[in-house]
Every structure is written in C-alpha cells, then in structure tokens.
C-alpha cells in the first residue's frame, strides 16, 4: 500500500510541477504570439507609410518646376536686392529711367492669417507715357508678384514736355 501512496504522490507532484512550470510557459508563448501579430501589423503600417512617402516624393519630383516657379513668385525670404534689380531691369527694357527707389519691409499684422509679409515699394521713374504703360505691363508679366497701388505723374522740369516724372507705389511679397 505504501507503494501505491508513493506512486500517487509522485504523480501528484508531477501534475503540480506541470501546472506550475509548463502552464506559465504556455501562457508566455501565447503572449509572444500576440506580440508578434502586433509587430507584424506595425510593420505593415510602416511599410504602407513608406510607400506613401515614396509616392509623394515622386509627385513632388513631377511638380518641381511648378514649385520653383511659385517660390519665385513669392520667395521664402526678403530679398530687397533682387526686387530692386528686377525693377531696374524692367525699367531699362521699357525706356524708363529709375532715378529713386525706396523699399521697406513690413510685417502684415500678427492677427492676419496671411502667409506672407510685404515689401513696400516706391519708385521714381523718368520717361514718357508709352514707356510707362509698357513698364507697367512688363511688371504685370514679371515672374515676381508685385501689386501696384498708385501711379502719380508730373511734368519734368527740363522743358521737354514729352518727359514725365512718375512715382509708382506698390507691394512685393515674401513668405513669413
């Protein structure tokens, strides 16, 4: 009978050890399977994100010429020298003499939701009326966005009635 108790005791100890050691190992394997599935889902989502980024990069490369044109229209930084040289070039090509200029950078109000700041322009030009109209047309076709707010004309004091002095005021833009 002792043999039966010893055998039953050993079987009971084996069952308890199985439950104590094997069952936590089985639960850990189940938890690892769940973690592997989560990591695979994360890997799939990252792969999708990378594919989307590559697609956006291809689209960006296709539209790069348009983006460079837009950055020339409204540049990312204030460039007074570039604006002044563009205005001087346009005036020379249209027979106008640029004799004075004033360019002042202004911030649009902080409460305004506009994405750009202003360069306030005031240009003094000497020439004739057809030259002035050609100058304004050339500014309109210029790649850089310039809004003309006013044009004032006065007779030149040189005695030549075809020569006029013009004061042109306007705004050029750059990004904040």
N, C-alpha and C. Protein backbone atom coordinates (compact mmCIF):
# COMPACT_ATOMS: atom_id res chain seq x y z
N UNK A 1 0.79 -1.16 0.00
CA UNK A 1 0.00 0.00 0.00
C UNK A 1 0.86 1.27 0.00
N UNK A 2 2.00 1.21 0.65
CA UNK A 2 2.91 2.34 0.64
C UNK A 2 3.40 2.65 -0.77
N UNK A 3 3.55 1.57 -1.55
CA UNK A 3 3.98 1.77 -2.91
C UNK A 3 2.93 2.56 -3.69
N UNK A 4 1.69 2.26 -3.40
CA UNK A 4 0.62 2.98 -4.09
C UNK A 4 0.60 4.46 -3.70
N UNK A 5 0.85 4.73 -2.42
CA UNK A 5 0.88 6.12 -1.96
C UNK A 5 2.08 6.87 -2.53
N UNK A 6 3.19 6.19 -2.60
CA UNK A 6 4.39 6.82 -3.14
C UNK A 6 4.16 7.11 -4.63
N UNK A 7 3.61 6.16 -5.36
CA UNK A 7 3.34 6.36 -6.79
C UNK A 7 2.33 7.48 -7.01
N UNK A 8 1.26 7.49 -6.20
CA UNK A 8 0.24 8.54 -6.32
C UNK A 8 0.81 9.89 -5.95
N UNK A 9 1.70 9.91 -4.94
CA UNK A 9 2.33 11.16 -4.52
C UNK A 9 3.23 11.72 -5.62
N UNK A 10 4.00 10.79 -6.27
CA UNK A 10 4.86 11.23 -7.36
C UNK A 10 4.04 11.76 -8.54
N UNK A 11 2.93 11.09 -8.83
CA UNK A 11 2.06 11.56 -9.91
C UNK A 11 1.47 12.92 -9.55
N UNK A 12 1.07 13.09 -8.30
CA UNK A 12 0.51 14.38 -7.84
C UNK A 12 1.57 15.47 -7.94
N UNK A 13 2.80 15.16 -7.53
CA UNK A 13 3.89 16.14 -7.61
C UNK A 13 4.16 16.48 -9.08
N UNK A 14 4.12 15.47 -9.96
CA UNK A 14 4.36 15.73 -11.38
C UNK A 14 3.27 16.64 -11.97
N UNK A 15 2.02 16.40 -11.57
CA UNK A 15 0.91 17.24 -12.06
C UNK A 15 1.07 18.67 -11.54
N UNK A 16 1.42 18.82 -10.27
CA UNK A 16 1.60 20.16 -9.70
C UNK A 16 2.77 20.87 -10.38
N UNK A 17 3.88 20.17 -10.61
CA UNK A 17 5.02 20.77 -11.30
C UNK A 17 4.65 21.14 -12.74
N UNK A 18 3.86 20.28 -13.40
CA UNK A 18 3.42 20.60 -14.75
C UNK A 18 2.62 21.90 -14.77
N UNK A 19 1.68 22.01 -13.85
CA UNK A 19 0.87 23.23 -13.78
C UNK A 19 1.70 24.44 -13.36
N UNK A 20 2.68 24.22 -12.51
CA UNK A 20 3.50 25.34 -12.02
C UNK A 20 4.52 25.80 -13.07
N UNK A 21 5.06 24.85 -13.86
CA UNK A 21 6.12 25.22 -14.80
C UNK A 21 5.64 25.30 -16.25
N UNK A 22 4.87 24.37 -16.70
CA UNK A 22 4.50 24.30 -18.11
C UNK A 22 3.40 25.29 -18.46
N UNK A 23 2.42 25.48 -17.61
CA UNK A 23 1.32 26.38 -17.91
C UNK A 23 1.78 27.83 -18.05
N UNK A 24 2.64 28.39 -17.17
CA UNK A 24 3.15 29.75 -17.41
C UNK A 24 3.95 29.86 -18.71
N UNK A 25 4.70 28.81 -19.05
CA UNK A 25 5.43 28.81 -20.31
C UNK A 25 4.47 28.85 -21.49
N UNK A 26 3.38 28.09 -21.40
CA UNK A 26 2.36 28.09 -22.45
C UNK A 26 1.70 29.47 -22.57
N UNK A 27 1.40 30.10 -21.42
CA UNK A 27 0.81 31.45 -21.44
C UNK A 27 1.79 32.47 -22.02
N UNK A 28 3.07 32.30 -21.73
CA UNK A 28 4.06 33.21 -22.26
C UNK A 28 4.16 33.07 -23.78
N UNK A 29 4.08 31.85 -24.27
CA UNK A 29 4.10 31.63 -25.72
C UNK A 29 2.88 32.27 -26.36
N UNK A 30 1.74 32.19 -25.74
CA UNK A 30 0.53 32.83 -26.26
C UNK A 30 0.71 34.35 -26.30
N UNK A 31 1.29 34.89 -25.23
CA UNK A 31 1.54 36.34 -25.20
C UNK A 31 2.53 36.75 -26.29
N UNK A 32 3.55 35.93 -26.52
CA UNK A 32 4.52 36.23 -27.57
C UNK A 32 3.87 36.16 -28.95
N UNK A 33 2.95 35.23 -29.16
CA UNK A 33 2.23 35.17 -30.44
C UNK A 33 1.44 36.45 -30.67
N UNK A 34 0.79 36.95 -29.64
CA UNK A 34 0.03 38.20 -29.76
C UNK A 34 0.98 39.36 -30.06
N UNK A 35 2.14 39.40 -29.39
CA UNK A 35 3.12 40.46 -29.63
C UNK A 35 3.65 40.38 -31.06
N UNK A 36 3.87 39.17 -31.57
CA UNK A 36 4.35 39.02 -32.94
C UNK A 36 3.31 39.53 -33.93
N UNK A 37 2.05 39.24 -33.70
CA UNK A 37 0.99 39.74 -34.57
C UNK A 37 0.93 41.27 -34.54
N UNK A 38 1.08 41.85 -33.34
CA UNK A 38 1.07 43.31 -33.24
C UNK A 38 2.26 43.91 -34.00
N UNK A 39 3.42 43.30 -33.89
CA UNK A 39 4.60 43.79 -34.59
C UNK A 39 4.44 43.66 -36.10
N UNK A 40 3.82 42.58 -36.56
CA UNK A 40 3.57 42.42 -37.99
C UNK A 40 2.62 43.49 -38.50
N UNK A 41 1.58 43.80 -37.70
CA UNK A 41 0.67 44.88 -38.08
C UNK A 41 1.40 46.22 -38.13
N UNK A 42 2.26 46.45 -37.15
CA UNK A 42 3.05 47.68 -37.12
C UNK A 42 3.98 47.75 -38.34
N UNK A 43 4.60 46.63 -38.69
CA UNK A 43 5.47 46.58 -39.85
C UNK A 43 4.69 46.85 -41.13
N UNK A 44 3.49 46.31 -41.24
CA UNK A 44 2.65 46.56 -42.42
C UNK A 44 2.29 48.04 -42.51
N UNK A 45 1.91 48.64 -41.38
CA UNK A 45 1.54 50.06 -41.41
C UNK A 45 2.74 50.93 -41.75
N UNK A 46 3.92 50.59 -41.23
CA UNK A 46 5.12 51.36 -41.58
C UNK A 46 5.48 51.19 -43.05
N UNK A 47 5.31 49.99 -43.57
CA UNK A 47 5.57 49.77 -44.99
C UNK A 47 4.61 50.60 -45.84
N UNK A 48 3.36 50.68 -45.42
CA UNK A 48 2.38 51.49 -46.14
C UNK A 48 2.77 52.97 -46.08
N UNK A 49 3.20 53.41 -44.92
CA UNK A 49 3.61 54.81 -44.76
C UNK A 49 4.82 55.11 -45.65
N UNK A 50 5.78 54.21 -45.69
CA UNK A 50 6.97 54.42 -46.53
C UNK A 50 6.57 54.45 -48.00
N UNK A 51 5.66 53.57 -48.40
CA UNK A 51 5.19 53.57 -49.80
C UNK A 51 4.50 54.89 -50.12
N UNK A 52 3.69 55.42 -49.18
CA UNK A 52 3.02 56.71 -49.39
C UNK A 52 4.03 57.84 -49.49
N UNK A 53 5.07 57.81 -48.67
CA UNK A 53 6.10 58.85 -48.72
C UNK A 53 6.83 58.79 -50.05
N UNK A 54 7.13 57.59 -50.53
CA UNK A 54 7.80 57.47 -51.82
C UNK A 54 6.90 57.97 -52.94
N UNK A 55 5.60 57.70 -52.86
CA UNK A 55 4.66 58.19 -53.87
C UNK A 55 4.59 59.72 -53.84
N UNK A 56 4.57 60.29 -52.64
CA UNK A 56 4.58 61.76 -52.52
C UNK A 56 5.87 62.35 -53.08
N UNK A 57 6.99 61.68 -52.84
CA UNK A 57 8.26 62.16 -53.38
C UNK A 57 8.25 62.14 -54.90
N UNK A 58 7.67 61.09 -55.50
CA UNK A 58 7.56 61.04 -56.96
C UNK A 58 6.69 62.18 -57.47
N UNK A 59 5.57 62.44 -56.78
CA UNK A 59 4.67 63.53 -57.18
C UNK A 59 5.38 64.88 -57.04
N UNK A 60 6.17 65.03 -55.97
CA UNK A 60 6.93 66.26 -55.75
C UNK A 60 7.94 66.45 -56.89
N UNK A 61 8.62 65.38 -57.28
CA UNK A 61 9.60 65.49 -58.36
C UNK A 61 8.93 65.85 -59.67
N UNK A 62 7.71 65.35 -59.91
CA UNK A 62 6.97 65.70 -61.12
C UNK A 62 6.61 67.18 -61.14
N UNK A 63 6.30 67.72 -59.98
CA UNK A 63 5.83 69.11 -59.90
C UNK A 63 6.92 70.09 -59.48
N UNK A 64 8.15 69.67 -59.47
CA UNK A 64 9.25 70.53 -59.06
C UNK A 64 9.35 71.81 -59.88
N UNK A 65 9.15 71.78 -61.21
CA UNK A 65 9.19 73.06 -61.96
C UNK A 65 8.10 74.04 -61.51
N UNK A 66 6.91 73.52 -61.22
CA UNK A 66 5.84 74.40 -60.74
C UNK A 66 6.18 74.98 -59.38
N UNK A 67 6.78 74.18 -58.52
CA UNK A 67 7.15 74.63 -57.18
C UNK A 67 8.22 75.71 -57.26
N UNK A 68 9.19 75.56 -58.16
CA UNK A 68 10.22 76.59 -58.28
C UNK A 68 9.64 77.88 -58.83
N UNK A 69 8.66 77.78 -59.76
CA UNK A 69 8.00 78.99 -60.24
C UNK A 69 7.26 79.69 -59.11
N UNK A 70 6.55 78.90 -58.29
CA UNK A 70 5.82 79.50 -57.17
C UNK A 70 6.76 80.13 -56.16
N UNK A 71 7.90 79.51 -55.92
CA UNK A 71 8.85 80.11 -54.98
C UNK A 71 9.47 81.38 -55.56
N UNK A 72 9.50 81.51 -56.89
CA UNK A 72 9.99 82.75 -57.50
C UNK A 72 8.93 83.84 -57.42
N UNK A 73 7.66 83.46 -57.48
CA UNK A 73 6.58 84.44 -57.40
C UNK A 73 6.53 85.06 -56.00
N UNK A 74 6.54 84.21 -54.98
CA UNK A 74 6.55 84.66 -53.59
C UNK A 74 7.70 83.94 -52.90
N UNK A 75 8.90 84.56 -52.87
CA UNK A 75 10.06 83.88 -52.30
C UNK A 75 9.94 83.67 -50.80
N UNK A 76 10.78 82.79 -50.29
CA UNK A 76 10.71 82.44 -48.87
C UNK A 76 11.42 83.45 -47.97
N UNK A 77 12.25 84.30 -48.53
CA UNK A 77 12.94 85.30 -47.71
C UNK A 77 12.88 86.67 -48.37
N UNK A 78 13.08 87.68 -47.56
CA UNK A 78 13.06 89.05 -48.06
C UNK A 78 14.35 89.30 -48.84
N UNK A 79 14.20 89.71 -50.10
CA UNK A 79 15.36 89.94 -50.96
C UNK A 79 15.19 91.31 -51.64
N UNK A 80 15.62 92.34 -50.96
CA UNK A 80 15.48 93.70 -51.47
C UNK A 80 16.31 93.89 -52.74
N UNK A 81 17.51 93.32 -52.75
CA UNK A 81 18.39 93.48 -53.91
C UNK A 81 17.77 92.83 -55.15
N UNK A 82 17.15 91.68 -54.99
CA UNK A 82 16.53 91.00 -56.13
C UNK A 82 15.37 91.81 -56.67
N UNK A 83 14.54 92.38 -55.78
CA UNK A 83 13.41 93.19 -56.22
C UNK A 83 13.90 94.44 -56.93
N UNK A 84 14.89 95.09 -56.38
CA UNK A 84 15.43 96.31 -56.98
C UNK A 84 16.05 96.03 -58.34
N UNK A 85 16.81 94.95 -58.46
CA UNK A 85 17.42 94.65 -59.76
C UNK A 85 16.36 94.26 -60.79
N UNK A 86 15.29 93.58 -60.38
CA UNK A 86 14.21 93.23 -61.31
C UNK A 86 13.50 94.49 -61.79
N UNK A 87 13.23 95.42 -60.89
CA UNK A 87 12.56 96.67 -61.26
C UNK A 87 13.46 97.50 -62.18
N UNK A 88 14.74 97.58 -61.87
CA UNK A 88 15.67 98.32 -62.72
C UNK A 88 15.76 97.69 -64.11
N UNK A 89 15.82 96.38 -64.18
CA UNK A 89 15.87 95.68 -65.46
C UNK A 89 14.62 95.96 -66.29
N UNK A 90 13.45 95.89 -65.67
CA UNK A 90 12.20 96.15 -66.38
C UNK A 90 12.15 97.60 -66.85
N UNK A 91 12.60 98.53 -66.01
CA UNK A 91 12.56 99.94 -66.40
C UNK A 91 13.50 100.23 -67.56
N UNK A 92 14.69 99.66 -67.56
CA UNK A 92 15.65 99.88 -68.65
C UNK A 92 15.12 99.30 -69.95
N UNK A 93 14.51 98.12 -69.89
CA UNK A 93 14.00 97.48 -71.10
C UNK A 93 12.83 98.25 -71.72
N UNK A 94 12.16 99.08 -70.92
CA UNK A 94 11.00 99.82 -71.42
C UNK A 94 11.27 101.30 -71.59
N UNK A 95 12.52 101.71 -71.58
CA UNK A 95 12.88 103.10 -71.85
C UNK A 95 12.60 104.04 -70.69
N UNK A 96 12.52 103.54 -69.49
CA UNK A 96 12.29 104.37 -68.32
C UNK A 96 13.58 104.46 -67.51
N UNK A 97 13.80 105.63 -66.90
CA UNK A 97 14.98 105.82 -66.07
C UNK A 97 14.55 105.76 -64.61
N UNK A 98 15.09 104.82 -63.88
CA UNK A 98 14.81 104.69 -62.44
C UNK A 98 15.77 105.62 -61.72
N UNK A 99 15.25 106.73 -61.17
CA UNK A 99 16.14 107.69 -60.51
C UNK A 99 16.03 107.66 -59.00
N UNK A 100 14.99 107.04 -58.46
CA UNK A 100 14.94 106.87 -57.00
C UNK A 100 14.09 105.65 -56.68
N UNK A 101 14.42 105.06 -55.54
CA UNK A 101 13.63 103.90 -55.10
C UNK A 101 13.70 103.81 -53.59
N UNK A 102 12.63 103.33 -53.04
CA UNK A 102 12.55 103.11 -51.60
C UNK A 102 11.82 101.78 -51.40
N UNK A 103 12.49 100.86 -50.72
CA UNK A 103 11.90 99.55 -50.45
C UNK A 103 11.99 99.31 -48.95
N UNK A 104 10.83 99.11 -48.33
CA UNK A 104 10.76 98.93 -46.89
C UNK A 104 10.02 97.63 -46.59
N UNK A 105 10.62 96.76 -45.79
CA UNK A 105 9.95 95.52 -45.40
C UNK A 105 8.96 95.76 -44.30
N UNK A 106 7.78 95.21 -44.44
CA UNK A 106 6.73 95.36 -43.44
C UNK A 106 6.16 93.99 -43.11
N UNK A 107 5.83 93.80 -41.86
CA UNK A 107 5.12 92.58 -41.49
C UNK A 107 3.63 92.86 -41.56
N UNK A 108 2.91 91.91 -42.10
CA UNK A 108 1.46 92.04 -42.03
C UNK A 108 1.09 91.82 -40.58
N UNK A 109 -0.06 92.25 -40.17
CA UNK A 109 -0.44 92.16 -38.76
C UNK A 109 -0.40 90.70 -38.30
N UNK A 110 -0.01 90.51 -37.04
CA UNK A 110 0.10 89.16 -36.49
C UNK A 110 -1.25 88.47 -36.41
N UNK A 111 -2.32 89.25 -36.31
CA UNK A 111 -3.65 88.63 -36.23
C UNK A 111 -4.13 88.19 -37.61
N UNK A 112 -3.52 88.73 -38.67
CA UNK A 112 -3.90 88.35 -40.03
C UNK A 112 -3.40 86.95 -40.32
N UNK A 113 -4.24 86.15 -40.95
CA UNK A 113 -3.87 84.77 -41.26
C UNK A 113 -3.09 84.65 -42.56
N UNK A 114 -2.63 85.75 -43.11
CA UNK A 114 -1.93 85.74 -44.38
C UNK A 114 -0.56 85.09 -44.19
N UNK A 115 -0.14 84.27 -45.15
CA UNK A 115 1.13 83.55 -45.02
C UNK A 115 2.35 84.34 -45.51
N UNK A 116 2.20 85.65 -45.74
CA UNK A 116 3.31 86.41 -46.30
C UNK A 116 3.44 87.77 -45.64
N UNK A 117 4.62 88.37 -45.83
CA UNK A 117 4.91 89.74 -45.42
C UNK A 117 5.07 90.59 -46.66
N UNK A 118 5.10 91.90 -46.46
CA UNK A 118 5.14 92.85 -47.57
C UNK A 118 6.49 93.54 -47.67
N UNK A 119 6.86 93.86 -48.89
CA UNK A 119 7.92 94.82 -49.16
C UNK A 119 7.24 96.01 -49.81
N UNK A 120 7.19 97.13 -49.10
CA UNK A 120 6.54 98.33 -49.63
C UNK A 120 7.52 99.02 -50.59
N UNK A 121 7.06 99.26 -51.81
CA UNK A 121 7.91 99.82 -52.86
C UNK A 121 7.47 101.24 -53.21
N UNK A 122 8.44 102.10 -53.45
CA UNK A 122 8.17 103.44 -54.02
C UNK A 122 9.30 103.72 -55.00
N UNK A 123 8.93 103.90 -56.27
CA UNK A 123 9.92 104.06 -57.32
C UNK A 123 9.70 105.39 -58.03
N UNK A 124 10.77 106.11 -58.25
CA UNK A 124 10.72 107.34 -59.04
C UNK A 124 11.28 107.04 -60.42
N UNK A 125 10.47 107.28 -61.46
CA UNK A 125 10.86 106.97 -62.84
C UNK A 125 10.74 108.21 -63.70
N UNK A 126 11.59 108.29 -64.70
CA UNK A 126 11.56 109.40 -65.65
C UNK A 126 11.44 108.80 -67.05
N UNK A 127 10.46 109.28 -67.83
CA UNK A 127 10.27 108.77 -69.18
C UNK A 127 8.99 109.31 -69.78
N UNK A 128 8.51 108.67 -70.83
CA UNK A 128 7.28 109.12 -71.48
C UNK A 128 6.13 108.18 -71.13
N UNK A 129 4.92 108.60 -71.55
CA UNK A 129 3.72 107.84 -71.20
C UNK A 129 3.71 106.43 -71.80
N UNK A 130 4.03 106.25 -73.09
CA UNK A 130 4.07 104.88 -73.63
C UNK A 130 5.09 103.99 -72.93
N UNK A 131 6.21 104.56 -72.55
CA UNK A 131 7.21 103.80 -71.80
C UNK A 131 6.67 103.35 -70.45
N UNK A 132 5.88 104.25 -69.82
CA UNK A 132 5.30 103.91 -68.52
C UNK A 132 4.28 102.78 -68.65
N UNK A 133 3.44 102.84 -69.66
CA UNK A 133 2.45 101.77 -69.84
C UNK A 133 3.15 100.45 -70.16
N UNK A 134 4.22 100.50 -70.94
CA UNK A 134 4.99 99.28 -71.22
C UNK A 134 5.67 98.76 -69.95
N UNK A 135 6.15 99.69 -69.11
CA UNK A 135 6.77 99.31 -67.84
C UNK A 135 5.75 98.59 -66.95
N UNK A 136 4.54 99.13 -66.86
CA UNK A 136 3.51 98.50 -66.03
C UNK A 136 3.11 97.13 -66.57
N UNK A 137 3.01 97.01 -67.89
CA UNK A 137 2.71 95.70 -68.50
C UNK A 137 3.82 94.69 -68.20
N UNK A 138 5.05 95.15 -68.27
CA UNK A 138 6.19 94.26 -68.01
C UNK A 138 6.20 93.82 -66.54
N UNK A 139 5.84 94.72 -65.63
CA UNK A 139 5.73 94.34 -64.21
C UNK A 139 4.63 93.32 -64.01
N UNK A 140 3.55 93.48 -64.77
CA UNK A 140 2.44 92.54 -64.67
C UNK A 140 2.85 91.15 -65.15
N UNK A 141 3.69 91.07 -66.16
CA UNK A 141 4.14 89.79 -66.70
C UNK A 141 5.37 89.27 -65.97
N UNK A 142 5.95 90.07 -65.11
CA UNK A 142 7.15 89.67 -64.37
C UNK A 142 6.82 88.46 -63.49
N UNK A 143 7.81 87.60 -63.31
CA UNK A 143 7.60 86.39 -62.52
C UNK A 143 7.34 86.72 -61.05
N UNK A 144 7.97 87.75 -60.54
CA UNK A 144 7.80 88.15 -59.14
C UNK A 144 6.47 88.90 -59.00
N UNK A 145 5.68 88.53 -58.01
CA UNK A 145 4.38 89.14 -57.78
C UNK A 145 4.55 90.52 -57.17
N UNK A 146 4.12 91.55 -57.89
CA UNK A 146 4.17 92.94 -57.42
C UNK A 146 2.82 93.57 -57.69
N UNK A 147 2.19 94.11 -56.63
CA UNK A 147 0.93 94.84 -56.76
C UNK A 147 1.23 96.32 -56.81
N UNK A 148 0.74 96.99 -57.83
CA UNK A 148 0.89 98.45 -57.94
C UNK A 148 -0.33 99.08 -57.28
N UNK A 149 -0.09 99.95 -56.30
CA UNK A 149 -1.19 100.59 -55.59
C UNK A 149 -1.50 101.98 -56.12
N UNK A 150 -0.47 102.68 -56.62
CA UNK A 150 -0.74 104.01 -57.18
C UNK A 150 0.37 104.43 -58.14
N UNK A 151 -0.02 105.29 -59.08
CA UNK A 151 0.93 105.87 -60.04
C UNK A 151 0.62 107.36 -60.09
N UNK A 152 1.62 108.17 -59.80
CA UNK A 152 1.48 109.62 -59.88
C UNK A 152 2.40 110.12 -61.00
N UNK A 153 1.90 111.07 -61.78
CA UNK A 153 2.69 111.62 -62.89
C UNK A 153 2.79 113.13 -62.74
N UNK A 154 3.94 113.66 -63.13
CA UNK A 154 4.16 115.11 -63.12
C UNK A 154 5.07 115.45 -64.30
N UNK A 155 4.92 116.67 -64.79
CA UNK A 155 5.74 117.13 -65.92
C UNK A 155 7.15 117.36 -65.40
N UNK A 156 8.12 116.89 -66.18
CA UNK A 156 9.52 117.08 -65.83
C UNK A 156 9.89 118.55 -65.97
N UNK A 157 10.73 119.05 -65.13
CA UNK A 157 11.13 120.45 -65.14
C UNK A 157 12.19 120.77 -66.17
N UNK A 158 12.48 119.87 -67.11
CA UNK A 158 13.55 120.08 -68.08
C UNK A 158 13.11 120.86 -69.30
N UNK A 159 11.87 121.23 -69.40
CA UNK A 159 11.37 121.97 -70.55
C UNK A 159 10.92 121.05 -71.66
N UNK A 160 11.21 119.79 -71.58
CA UNK A 160 10.79 118.81 -72.58
C UNK A 160 9.43 118.28 -72.13
N UNK A 161 8.39 118.55 -72.90
CA UNK A 161 7.04 118.19 -72.47
C UNK A 161 6.75 116.70 -72.61
N UNK A 162 7.57 115.98 -73.38
CA UNK A 162 7.31 114.55 -73.53
C UNK A 162 7.89 113.75 -72.37
N UNK A 163 8.79 114.36 -71.59
CA UNK A 163 9.38 113.67 -70.44
C UNK A 163 8.52 113.93 -69.21
N UNK A 164 8.18 112.85 -68.54
CA UNK A 164 7.36 112.93 -67.33
C UNK A 164 8.08 112.24 -66.19
N UNK A 165 7.81 112.72 -64.99
CA UNK A 165 8.29 112.06 -63.78
C UNK A 165 7.13 111.25 -63.21
N UNK A 166 7.37 109.99 -62.92
CA UNK A 166 6.36 109.11 -62.36
C UNK A 166 6.80 108.63 -60.99
N UNK A 167 5.86 108.56 -60.08
CA UNK A 167 6.09 107.93 -58.78
C UNK A 167 5.13 106.75 -58.71
N UNK A 168 5.71 105.57 -58.67
CA UNK A 168 4.92 104.33 -58.65
C UNK A 168 5.07 103.70 -57.27
N UNK A 169 3.94 103.40 -56.65
CA UNK A 169 3.94 102.77 -55.33
C UNK A 169 3.30 101.39 -55.46
N UNK A 170 3.82 100.45 -54.72
CA UNK A 170 3.27 99.10 -54.77
C UNK A 170 3.80 98.23 -53.65
N UNK A 171 3.47 96.95 -53.74
CA UNK A 171 3.88 95.97 -52.73
C UNK A 171 4.40 94.72 -53.42
N UNK A 172 5.50 94.20 -52.90
CA UNK A 172 6.02 92.89 -53.29
C UNK A 172 5.86 91.99 -52.05
N UNK A 173 5.83 90.71 -52.24
CA UNK A 173 5.52 89.79 -51.14
C UNK A 173 6.65 88.78 -50.94
N UNK A 174 6.78 88.31 -49.69
CA UNK A 174 7.66 87.19 -49.37
C UNK A 174 7.02 86.43 -48.22
N UNK A 175 7.37 85.14 -48.09
CA UNK A 175 6.74 84.29 -47.09
C UNK A 175 7.21 84.63 -45.69
N UNK A 176 6.36 84.36 -44.72
CA UNK A 176 6.71 84.60 -43.32
C UNK A 176 7.71 83.57 -42.86
